[in-house]
C-alpha cells in the first residue's frame, strides 16, 4: 500500500484538484492502484482474507499515526473526533479500494476456475 501511495504521487493526476493542497487527485490515483494490486494479490498470489485484513489493519494504524502527527495529538488523544473523521475520509481512498479489489479478485478467482 505504501508503494501505491508513492507511485500515486509520481504519476500525473487523472483530474485537477481545487488547489495546491487538494490531495484528492493523487488519492484517486492511489485508490485505482490499490484496486489493481488487491486484485493481483487475491487472484494471482491467492492471498487469504486474513492477509487482506492484516494488511488493511497495518495501513489503518499507519494512516492514523500520520494524521495524529500532523494534528499534534498523540497517544489516546490521537483518537479524537477530528482525527477519526480524517481517518474515515481517508478510508474512501485506502480501505474501500482495498476491499473492492479483494471482492473483484475473489469473483475472478471463483469464476475463472476450470469447470468439471
N, C-alpha and C. Protein backbone atom coordinates (compact mmCIF):
# COMPACT_ATOMS: atom_id res chain seq x y z
N UNK A 1 0.82 -1.19 0.00
CA UNK A 1 0.00 0.00 0.00
C UNK A 1 0.87 1.26 0.00
N UNK A 2 1.99 1.18 0.67
CA UNK A 2 2.89 2.33 0.71
C UNK A 2 3.45 2.61 -0.68
N UNK A 3 3.76 1.54 -1.43
CA UNK A 3 4.27 1.73 -2.78
C UNK A 3 3.20 2.33 -3.69
N UNK A 4 1.94 1.97 -3.47
CA UNK A 4 0.85 2.57 -4.26
C UNK A 4 0.74 4.06 -3.96
N UNK A 5 0.91 4.44 -2.70
CA UNK A 5 0.86 5.85 -2.33
C UNK A 5 2.02 6.61 -2.96
N UNK A 6 3.21 6.01 -2.94
CA UNK A 6 4.37 6.66 -3.54
C UNK A 6 4.21 6.78 -5.05
N UNK A 7 3.73 5.73 -5.68
CA UNK A 7 3.53 5.76 -7.13
C UNK A 7 2.47 6.78 -7.51
N UNK A 8 1.45 6.93 -6.68
CA UNK A 8 0.39 7.90 -6.98
C UNK A 8 0.92 9.33 -6.93
N UNK A 9 1.92 9.58 -6.10
CA UNK A 9 2.50 10.92 -6.03
C UNK A 9 3.36 11.22 -7.26
N UNK A 10 3.89 10.17 -7.89
CA UNK A 10 4.78 10.36 -9.03
C UNK A 10 4.06 10.36 -10.37
N UNK A 11 2.83 9.86 -10.40
CA UNK A 11 2.08 9.83 -11.65
C UNK A 11 1.22 11.08 -11.77
N UNK A 12 0.96 11.54 -12.98
CA UNK A 12 0.10 12.72 -13.13
C UNK A 12 -1.34 12.38 -12.73
N UNK A 13 -2.02 13.31 -12.07
CA UNK A 13 -3.39 13.04 -11.64
C UNK A 13 -4.35 12.91 -12.80
N UNK A 14 -5.41 12.14 -12.58
CA UNK A 14 -6.43 11.93 -13.60
C UNK A 14 -7.24 13.21 -13.81
N UNK A 15 -7.47 13.94 -12.73
CA UNK A 15 -8.24 15.17 -12.80
C UNK A 15 -7.56 16.23 -11.94
N UNK A 16 -7.84 17.48 -12.21
CA UNK A 16 -7.22 18.58 -11.49
C UNK A 16 -7.99 18.86 -10.20
N UNK A 17 -7.26 19.12 -9.15
CA UNK A 17 -7.89 19.42 -7.87
C UNK A 17 -8.30 20.88 -7.80
N UNK A 18 -8.77 21.27 -6.63
CA UNK A 18 -9.24 22.63 -6.43
C UNK A 18 -8.11 23.61 -6.15
N UNK A 19 -6.97 23.07 -5.73
CA UNK A 19 -5.85 23.95 -5.42
C UNK A 19 -4.61 23.13 -5.12
N UNK A 20 -3.58 23.81 -4.63
CA UNK A 20 -2.32 23.15 -4.36
C UNK A 20 -2.36 22.13 -3.25
N UNK A 21 -3.23 22.31 -2.30
CA UNK A 21 -3.30 21.39 -1.15
C UNK A 21 -4.38 20.33 -1.28
N UNK A 22 -5.04 20.29 -2.38
CA UNK A 22 -6.10 19.29 -2.59
C UNK A 22 -5.44 17.95 -2.91
N UNK A 23 -5.58 17.00 -1.99
CA UNK A 23 -4.93 15.70 -2.12
C UNK A 23 -5.77 14.70 -2.91
N UNK A 24 -7.01 15.03 -3.21
CA UNK A 24 -7.91 14.06 -3.82
C UNK A 24 -7.49 13.53 -5.19
N UNK A 25 -6.88 14.34 -6.09
CA UNK A 25 -6.44 13.75 -7.36
C UNK A 25 -5.39 12.65 -7.17
N UNK A 26 -4.40 12.88 -6.31
CA UNK A 26 -3.40 11.86 -6.04
C UNK A 26 -3.99 10.69 -5.27
N UNK A 27 -4.93 10.97 -4.38
CA UNK A 27 -5.58 9.89 -3.62
C UNK A 27 -6.43 9.02 -4.55
N UNK A 28 -7.01 9.61 -5.58
CA UNK A 28 -7.76 8.83 -6.56
C UNK A 28 -6.82 7.91 -7.33
N UNK A 29 -5.66 8.43 -7.71
CA UNK A 29 -4.66 7.57 -8.35
C UNK A 29 -4.27 6.41 -7.43
N UNK A 30 -4.06 6.71 -6.15
CA UNK A 30 -3.70 5.68 -5.19
C UNK A 30 -4.81 4.64 -5.06
N UNK A 31 -6.05 5.08 -5.06
CA UNK A 31 -7.18 4.16 -4.93
C UNK A 31 -7.24 3.21 -6.13
N UNK A 32 -7.00 3.74 -7.32
CA UNK A 32 -7.02 2.89 -8.52
C UNK A 32 -5.89 1.87 -8.45
N UNK A 33 -4.69 2.33 -8.05
CA UNK A 33 -3.57 1.40 -7.91
C UNK A 33 -3.83 0.34 -6.84
N UNK A 34 -4.48 0.73 -5.74
CA UNK A 34 -4.81 -0.23 -4.69
C UNK A 34 -5.77 -1.30 -5.18
N UNK A 35 -6.74 -0.91 -5.99
CA UNK A 35 -7.67 -1.90 -6.55
C UNK A 35 -6.91 -2.90 -7.41
N UNK A 36 -6.04 -2.39 -8.26
CA UNK A 36 -5.27 -3.27 -9.16
C UNK A 36 -4.38 -4.21 -8.35
N UNK A 37 -3.69 -3.69 -7.34
CA UNK A 37 -2.80 -4.51 -6.52
C UNK A 37 -3.59 -5.54 -5.73
N UNK A 38 -4.73 -5.14 -5.18
CA UNK A 38 -5.55 -6.09 -4.40
C UNK A 38 -6.07 -7.21 -5.28
N UNK A 39 -6.50 -6.89 -6.49
CA UNK A 39 -6.95 -7.93 -7.42
C UNK A 39 -5.79 -8.87 -7.74
N UNK A 40 -4.61 -8.31 -7.98
CA UNK A 40 -3.44 -9.13 -8.30
C UNK A 40 -3.06 -10.03 -7.12
N UNK A 41 -3.12 -9.51 -5.91
CA UNK A 41 -2.78 -10.32 -4.74
C UNK A 41 -3.80 -11.43 -4.52
N UNK A 42 -5.07 -11.12 -4.72
CA UNK A 42 -6.12 -12.12 -4.50
C UNK A 42 -6.14 -13.15 -5.62
N UNK A 43 -6.09 -12.70 -6.86
CA UNK A 43 -6.19 -13.61 -8.00
C UNK A 43 -4.87 -14.29 -8.30
N UNK A 44 -3.81 -13.51 -8.39
CA UNK A 44 -2.53 -14.05 -8.79
C UNK A 44 -1.80 -14.79 -7.67
N UNK A 45 -1.71 -14.16 -6.51
CA UNK A 45 -0.98 -14.76 -5.40
C UNK A 45 -1.87 -15.55 -4.45
N UNK A 46 -3.18 -15.46 -4.67
CA UNK A 46 -4.18 -16.20 -3.87
C UNK A 46 -4.06 -15.91 -2.37
N UNK A 47 -3.98 -14.63 -2.05
CA UNK A 47 -3.96 -14.23 -0.65
C UNK A 47 -5.28 -14.61 0.01
N UNK A 48 -5.24 -14.98 1.27
CA UNK A 48 -6.44 -15.27 2.05
C UNK A 48 -7.06 -13.96 2.55
N UNK A 49 -8.28 -14.06 3.03
CA UNK A 49 -8.97 -12.89 3.59
C UNK A 49 -8.22 -12.36 4.81
N UNK A 50 -7.64 -13.24 5.60
CA UNK A 50 -6.89 -12.81 6.78
C UNK A 50 -5.71 -11.94 6.39
N UNK A 51 -5.03 -12.28 5.30
CA UNK A 51 -3.92 -11.46 4.82
C UNK A 51 -4.38 -10.06 4.45
N UNK A 52 -5.54 -9.97 3.82
CA UNK A 52 -6.08 -8.66 3.45
C UNK A 52 -6.46 -7.84 4.68
N UNK A 53 -7.06 -8.50 5.66
CA UNK A 53 -7.45 -7.79 6.89
C UNK A 53 -6.22 -7.31 7.65
N UNK A 54 -5.19 -8.14 7.73
CA UNK A 54 -3.97 -7.73 8.42
C UNK A 54 -3.28 -6.58 7.70
N UNK A 55 -3.22 -6.63 6.38
CA UNK A 55 -2.60 -5.54 5.62
C UNK A 55 -3.39 -4.25 5.79
N UNK A 56 -4.70 -4.34 5.79
CA UNK A 56 -5.53 -3.16 5.97
C UNK A 56 -5.40 -2.60 7.39
N UNK A 57 -5.29 -3.48 8.37
CA UNK A 57 -5.12 -3.03 9.76
C UNK A 57 -3.81 -2.26 9.91
N UNK A 58 -2.74 -2.78 9.35
CA UNK A 58 -1.45 -2.08 9.41
C UNK A 58 -1.55 -0.72 8.72
N UNK A 59 -2.19 -0.69 7.57
CA UNK A 59 -2.35 0.58 6.84
C UNK A 59 -3.18 1.58 7.65
N UNK A 60 -4.20 1.11 8.33
CA UNK A 60 -5.04 2.00 9.14
C UNK A 60 -4.26 2.58 10.32
N UNK A 61 -3.44 1.75 10.95
CA UNK A 61 -2.63 2.22 12.08
C UNK A 61 -1.63 3.28 11.60
N UNK A 62 -0.99 3.01 10.46
CA UNK A 62 -0.03 3.98 9.92
C UNK A 62 -0.74 5.27 9.53
N UNK A 63 -1.89 5.15 8.90
CA UNK A 63 -2.64 6.34 8.49
C UNK A 63 -3.06 7.18 9.69
N UNK A 64 -3.58 6.54 10.73
CA UNK A 64 -3.97 7.28 11.93
C UNK A 64 -2.76 7.91 12.60
N UNK A 65 -1.62 7.23 12.57
CA UNK A 65 -0.40 7.80 13.15
C UNK A 65 0.04 9.05 12.40
N UNK A 66 -0.03 9.01 11.08
CA UNK A 66 0.35 10.18 10.28
C UNK A 66 -0.63 11.33 10.53
N UNK A 67 -1.91 11.03 10.58
CA UNK A 67 -2.91 12.07 10.85
C UNK A 67 -2.68 12.67 12.22
N UNK A 68 -2.42 11.83 13.21
CA UNK A 68 -2.18 12.31 14.58
C UNK A 68 -0.91 13.15 14.64
N UNK A 69 0.10 12.76 13.89
CA UNK A 69 1.35 13.53 13.88
C UNK A 69 1.11 14.94 13.35
N UNK A 70 0.38 15.04 12.24
CA UNK A 70 0.15 16.36 11.65
C UNK A 70 -0.84 17.19 12.46
N UNK A 71 -1.74 16.56 13.20
CA UNK A 71 -2.68 17.32 14.03
C UNK A 71 -2.07 17.68 15.38
N UNK A 72 -0.97 17.03 15.74
CA UNK A 72 -0.31 17.33 17.01
C UNK A 72 -0.88 16.57 18.19
N UNK A 73 -1.79 15.66 17.94
CA UNK A 73 -2.40 14.89 19.02
C UNK A 73 -1.74 13.52 19.09
N UNK A 74 -1.32 13.11 20.27
CA UNK A 74 -0.62 11.84 20.43
C UNK A 74 -1.30 10.98 21.47
N UNK A 75 -0.88 9.74 21.53
CA UNK A 75 -1.38 8.70 22.43
C UNK A 75 -2.89 8.60 22.37
N UNK A 76 -3.58 8.67 23.50
CA UNK A 76 -5.03 8.49 23.48
C UNK A 76 -5.75 9.66 22.83
N UNK A 77 -5.10 10.82 22.83
CA UNK A 77 -5.70 11.97 22.15
C UNK A 77 -5.73 11.79 20.63
N UNK A 78 -4.96 10.82 20.13
CA UNK A 78 -4.98 10.54 18.69
C UNK A 78 -6.34 10.03 18.24
N UNK A 79 -7.13 9.53 19.17
CA UNK A 79 -8.47 9.03 18.84
C UNK A 79 -9.53 10.11 19.00
N UNK A 80 -9.11 11.35 18.89
CA UNK A 80 -10.01 12.49 18.93
C UNK A 80 -10.94 12.45 17.71
N UNK A 81 -12.10 13.06 17.84
CA UNK A 81 -13.07 13.03 16.75
C UNK A 81 -12.53 13.68 15.47
N UNK A 82 -11.67 14.67 15.61
CA UNK A 82 -11.06 15.31 14.44
C UNK A 82 -10.23 14.30 13.66
N UNK A 83 -9.36 13.57 14.36
CA UNK A 83 -8.51 12.58 13.70
C UNK A 83 -9.33 11.43 13.13
N UNK A 84 -10.33 11.00 13.87
CA UNK A 84 -11.14 9.88 13.39
C UNK A 84 -11.97 10.27 12.17
N UNK A 85 -12.39 11.53 12.09
CA UNK A 85 -13.13 11.96 10.91
C UNK A 85 -12.20 11.99 9.69
N UNK A 86 -10.95 12.40 9.87
CA UNK A 86 -9.99 12.35 8.78
C UNK A 86 -9.69 10.92 8.38
N UNK A 87 -9.60 10.02 9.37
CA UNK A 87 -9.35 8.61 9.07
C UNK A 87 -10.51 8.02 8.26
N UNK A 88 -11.73 8.38 8.64
CA UNK A 88 -12.90 7.91 7.89
C UNK A 88 -12.87 8.43 6.45
N UNK A 89 -12.47 9.68 6.28
CA UNK A 89 -12.36 10.23 4.93
C UNK A 89 -11.28 9.56 4.12
N UNK A 90 -10.17 9.25 4.74
CA UNK A 90 -9.07 8.58 4.04
C UNK A 90 -9.43 7.14 3.67
N UNK A 91 -10.37 6.55 4.40
CA UNK A 91 -10.78 5.19 4.09
C UNK A 91 -11.50 5.09 2.75
N UNK A 92 -12.01 6.21 2.26
CA UNK A 92 -12.58 6.21 0.91
C UNK A 92 -11.51 5.95 -0.14
N UNK A 93 -10.25 6.29 0.19
CA UNK A 93 -9.15 6.13 -0.74
C UNK A 93 -8.22 4.97 -0.39
N UNK A 94 -8.36 4.39 0.79
CA UNK A 94 -7.49 3.29 1.21
C UNK A 94 -8.29 2.01 1.44
N UNK A 95 -9.17 2.04 2.43
CA UNK A 95 -9.90 0.83 2.82
C UNK A 95 -10.90 0.36 1.79
N UNK A 96 -11.69 1.27 1.26
CA UNK A 96 -12.71 0.89 0.29
C UNK A 96 -12.11 0.30 -0.98
N UNK A 97 -11.09 0.93 -1.59
CA UNK A 97 -10.50 0.30 -2.79
C UNK A 97 -9.85 -1.05 -2.48
N UNK A 98 -9.25 -1.19 -1.31
CA UNK A 98 -8.63 -2.46 -0.93
C UNK A 98 -9.68 -3.56 -0.86
N UNK A 99 -10.81 -3.26 -0.26
CA UNK A 99 -11.88 -4.26 -0.15
C UNK A 99 -12.57 -4.51 -1.49
N UNK A 100 -12.71 -3.49 -2.31
CA UNK A 100 -13.27 -3.68 -3.66
C UNK A 100 -12.34 -4.57 -4.49
N UNK A 101 -11.04 -4.33 -4.39
CA UNK A 101 -10.08 -5.17 -5.09
C UNK A 101 -10.12 -6.61 -4.61
N UNK A 102 -10.29 -6.79 -3.30
CA UNK A 102 -10.43 -8.14 -2.75
C UNK A 102 -11.67 -8.83 -3.32
N UNK A 103 -12.78 -8.10 -3.37
CA UNK A 103 -14.02 -8.68 -3.88
C UNK A 103 -13.90 -9.01 -5.37
N UNK A 104 -13.33 -8.10 -6.15
CA UNK A 104 -13.16 -8.37 -7.58
C UNK A 104 -12.21 -9.54 -7.82
N UNK A 105 -11.13 -9.59 -7.05
CA UNK A 105 -10.20 -10.71 -7.18
C UNK A 105 -10.83 -12.03 -6.78
N UNK A 106 -11.68 -11.99 -5.75
CA UNK A 106 -12.37 -13.21 -5.33
C UNK A 106 -13.35 -13.69 -6.39
N UNK A 107 -14.08 -12.74 -6.99
CA UNK A 107 -15.00 -13.12 -8.06
C UNK A 107 -14.25 -13.69 -9.26
N UNK A 108 -13.16 -13.06 -9.63
CA UNK A 108 -12.36 -13.53 -10.74
C UNK A 108 -11.78 -14.91 -10.45
N UNK A 109 -11.34 -15.11 -9.22
CA UNK A 109 -10.79 -16.40 -8.83
C UNK A 109 -11.87 -17.49 -8.86
N UNK A 110 -13.05 -17.12 -8.41
CA UNK A 110 -14.15 -18.11 -8.35
C UNK A 110 -14.65 -18.52 -9.72
N UNK A 111 -14.83 -17.53 -10.59
CA UNK A 111 -15.44 -17.82 -11.88
C UNK A 111 -14.44 -18.16 -12.97
N UNK A 112 -13.15 -18.07 -12.70
CA UNK A 112 -12.17 -18.45 -13.69
C UNK A 112 -11.64 -19.86 -13.44
N UNK A 113 -12.12 -20.48 -12.37
CA UNK A 113 -11.68 -21.85 -12.06
C UNK A 113 -12.18 -22.80 -13.14
N UNK A 114 -11.41 -23.80 -13.48
CA UNK A 114 -11.87 -24.76 -14.51
C UNK A 114 -13.13 -25.49 -14.05
N UNK A 115 -14.06 -25.59 -14.93
CA UNK A 115 -15.33 -26.27 -14.62
C UNK A 115 -15.18 -27.75 -14.89
N UNK A 116 -15.74 -28.55 -14.01
CA UNK A 116 -15.65 -30.01 -14.17
C UNK A 116 -17.02 -30.62 -14.29
